Each structure stands twice: as C-alpha cells, then as structure tokens.
Amino acid sequence: MPAEEAARAEAREIFDRFDLNGDGRVTPEELRQVLVDSGIDVETGDARRLISLQDRTGDGLLSFEEFWAARREMLGERPPAAS
C-alpha cells in the first residue's frame, strides 16, 4: 500500500472513532463526547468552535474530507495536483 493510501486509511480510522453514529459526519456533540470520554472536559460550544475551524462547507459538521484536509495542512503536506 503506497504511503498516501496508508496515511489516508489511518486518518479514516481516527475519524471513525469520532463519528459515533457512523453517518460520515462528526457533530459537535460527537466530538465533545469522545473528548470527554478521553478525559478532556469540553462544552458543546467549544466542540462547535473546533469544528468550525475546519468546516469548509459551513454545515456545522466535519466530514472525512474536511478532516483529511486539516490533517494534511497540520503536517505541512500539499494535496496531489489534480489530473
């Protein structure tokens, strides 16, 4: 498996831990629940603000593609050029 595919698969596994109902979107409530379960006490409003930092569609949710783009940006990676 090429490195890009492996990294994307790993990111998907992480994303799926936050997508508690498996609908392909992370809600502020899901993000808050996972963080609280991990010992990080946050309010839903804080989770909403965290999501808004990467929510490119403005729907208040985090899709995998938004999560993947944020991960790549944080690591200083550039997406492959469109063909």
Protein backbone atom coordinates (compact mmCIF):
# COMPACT_ATOMS: atom_id res chain seq x y z
CA MET A 1 0.00 0.00 0.00
CA PRO A 2 1.52 3.35 -1.00
CA ALA A 3 2.27 5.83 1.79
CA GLU A 4 -0.57 8.16 0.76
CA GLU A 5 -3.12 5.34 0.94
CA ALA A 6 -1.78 4.14 4.28
CA ALA A 7 -1.93 7.65 5.74
CA ARG A 8 -5.48 8.10 4.45
CA ALA A 9 -6.54 4.73 5.91
CA GLU A 10 -5.04 5.69 9.28
CA ALA A 11 -6.82 9.05 9.17
CA ARG A 12 -10.09 7.25 8.36
CA GLU A 13 -9.67 5.02 11.43
CA ILE A 14 -9.17 8.08 13.62
CA PHE A 15 -12.12 9.90 12.03
CA ASP A 16 -14.35 6.86 12.54
CA ARG A 17 -13.63 6.94 16.29
CA PHE A 18 -15.22 10.40 16.40
CA ASP A 19 -18.11 9.57 14.05
CA LEU A 20 -20.07 7.76 16.73
CA ASN A 21 -23.20 7.09 14.69
CA GLY A 22 -21.30 6.18 11.51
CA ASP A 23 -23.07 8.68 9.25
CA GLY A 24 -19.86 10.10 7.78
CA ARG A 25 -20.04 13.39 9.67
CA VAL A 26 -18.75 14.39 13.11
CA THR A 27 -21.17 16.60 15.04
CA PRO A 28 -20.14 18.91 17.88
CA GLU A 29 -21.92 16.54 20.25
CA GLU A 30 -19.94 13.53 18.97
CA LEU A 31 -16.66 15.44 19.22
CA ARG A 32 -17.48 16.54 22.75
CA GLN A 33 -18.44 13.01 23.80
CA VAL A 34 -15.21 11.47 22.52
CA LEU A 35 -13.12 14.19 24.17
CA VAL A 36 -14.99 13.83 27.49
CA ASP A 37 -14.59 10.04 27.31
CA SER A 38 -10.86 10.67 26.82
CA GLY A 39 -10.71 12.80 29.96
CA ILE A 40 -10.83 16.19 28.22
CA ASP A 41 -13.69 18.24 29.64
CA VAL A 42 -15.16 20.49 26.96
CA GLU A 43 -18.53 22.09 26.39
CA THR A 44 -20.53 21.51 23.22
CA GLY A 45 -19.94 25.16 22.27
CA ASP A 46 -16.19 24.58 22.41
CA ALA A 47 -16.55 21.49 20.22
CA ARG A 48 -18.67 23.53 17.80
CA ARG A 49 -15.90 26.15 17.57
CA LEU A 50 -13.26 23.47 16.99
CA ILE A 51 -15.28 22.00 14.13
CA SER A 52 -15.88 25.45 12.64
CA LEU A 53 -12.12 25.88 12.20
CA GLN A 54 -12.13 23.13 9.56
CA ASP A 55 -15.74 23.15 8.37
CA ARG A 56 -15.32 24.21 4.75
CA THR A 57 -18.96 23.72 3.77
CA GLY A 58 -20.43 25.72 6.64
CA ASP A 59 -22.82 22.95 7.67
CA GLY A 60 -21.53 22.81 11.26
CA LEU A 61 -20.27 19.25 10.77
CA LEU A 62 -16.90 17.74 9.98
CA SER A 63 -16.74 15.37 7.01
CA PHE A 64 -13.89 12.97 6.43
CA GLU A 65 -12.64 15.08 3.52
CA GLU A 66 -12.52 18.16 5.78
CA PHE A 67 -10.74 16.11 8.46
CA TRP A 68 -8.28 14.74 5.89
CA ALA A 69 -7.53 18.22 4.52
CA ALA A 70 -6.97 19.57 8.05
CA ARG A 71 -4.64 16.70 8.90
CA ARG A 72 -2.60 17.30 5.76
CA GLU A 73 -2.40 21.03 6.45
CA MET A 74 -1.26 20.44 10.04
CA LEU A 75 1.52 18.19 8.79
CA GLY A 76 2.51 20.66 6.08
CA GLU A 77 1.52 18.32 3.27
CA ARG A 78 0.11 19.51 -0.01
CA PRO A 79 -2.65 17.62 -1.79
CA PRO A 80 -1.65 15.94 -5.04
CA ALA A 81 -2.16 18.00 -8.18
CA ALA A 82 -5.43 17.39 -9.99
CA SER A 83 -5.08 15.45 -13.21
